[in-house]
Protein backbone atom coordinates (compact mmCIF):
# COMPACT_ATOMS: atom_id res chain seq x y z
CA MET A 1 -0.14 -0.29 -0.34
CA ASN A 2 1.54 3.46 -0.42
CA ARG A 3 2.43 4.68 2.34
CA HIS A 4 0.96 8.29 1.66
CA LEU A 5 -2.33 7.13 2.05
CA GLU A 6 -2.16 5.05 4.99
CA PRO A 7 -3.87 6.38 7.68
CA ILE A 8 -1.70 8.77 10.10
CA ASP A 9 -1.44 6.88 12.69
CA ASP A 10 -0.83 3.24 10.77
CA VAL A 11 2.18 4.96 9.66
CA ILE A 12 3.39 6.02 13.44
CA ARG A 13 2.56 2.74 14.63
CA ALA A 14 3.92 1.23 11.45
CA ALA A 15 7.39 2.81 13.17
CA GLY A 16 6.75 1.16 15.98
CA LEU A 17 6.33 4.57 17.88
CA ARG A 18 3.73 5.74 20.04
CA ARG A 19 1.42 7.87 18.53
CA THR A 20 1.50 11.43 20.10
CA THR A 21 -0.42 14.19 18.55
CA PRO A 22 2.99 16.62 17.94
CA ARG A 23 4.15 13.54 15.46
CA ALA A 24 0.71 13.40 14.01
CA LEU A 25 0.57 17.10 13.64
CA VAL A 26 4.17 16.95 11.61
CA LEU A 27 2.98 13.73 9.47
CA ARG A 28 -0.04 15.39 8.19
CA THR A 29 1.45 18.75 7.23
CA LEU A 30 4.02 16.94 5.48
CA ARG A 31 1.54 14.93 3.77
CA SER A 32 -0.05 17.68 3.09
CA THR A 33 3.14 20.29 1.53
CA ARG A 34 4.40 19.25 -2.45
CA GLY A 35 8.22 19.65 -1.74
CA HIS A 36 10.62 20.32 1.19
CA LEU A 37 10.27 21.68 4.08
CA THR A 38 12.42 22.42 6.95
CA ALA A 39 11.99 21.86 10.25
CA SER A 40 11.04 25.88 10.75
CA GLU A 41 8.98 25.62 8.15
CA ILE A 42 6.57 22.47 9.95
CA PHE A 43 7.03 24.31 12.62
CA ASP A 44 5.78 27.53 11.76
CA GLN A 45 2.56 26.03 9.67
CA ILE A 46 1.57 23.97 13.07
CA GLU A 47 1.94 27.00 14.43
CA ASP A 48 -0.06 28.85 12.09
CA GLU A 49 -2.98 26.13 12.03
CA ARG A 50 -3.10 25.28 15.78
CA PRO A 51 -2.33 27.91 17.86
CA ALA A 52 -4.23 26.34 20.43
CA GLU A 53 -1.99 23.50 20.62
CA PRO A 54 1.72 25.19 20.40
CA ILE A 55 4.69 22.85 20.56
CA ALA A 56 8.13 23.58 20.53
CA VAL A 57 10.24 23.39 17.48
CA SER A 58 12.81 20.87 19.31
CA THR A 59 9.69 18.75 19.34
CA VAL A 60 9.36 19.00 15.43
CA TYR A 61 13.08 18.43 15.28
CA ARG A 62 12.49 14.94 17.53
CA ALA A 63 9.12 13.89 16.01
CA LEU A 64 11.50 14.41 11.84
CA GLU A 65 13.69 12.54 13.31
CA ALA A 66 11.68 9.59 14.99
CA LEU A 67 9.58 9.38 11.60
């Protein structure tokens, strides 16, 4: 199956990871964007879309490393 079409939770679990909101947000942001993004760009997009659920840029880096 194309991993881009798999549900986000399934992709995270398939990587052997626990599903967390920051990981799901990072993966959703990556999937919704064509091309390459830096960790700062991912952070900015998440912050713009979800200001009520703030995450730190270091959390984005850790999520990218884990995924």
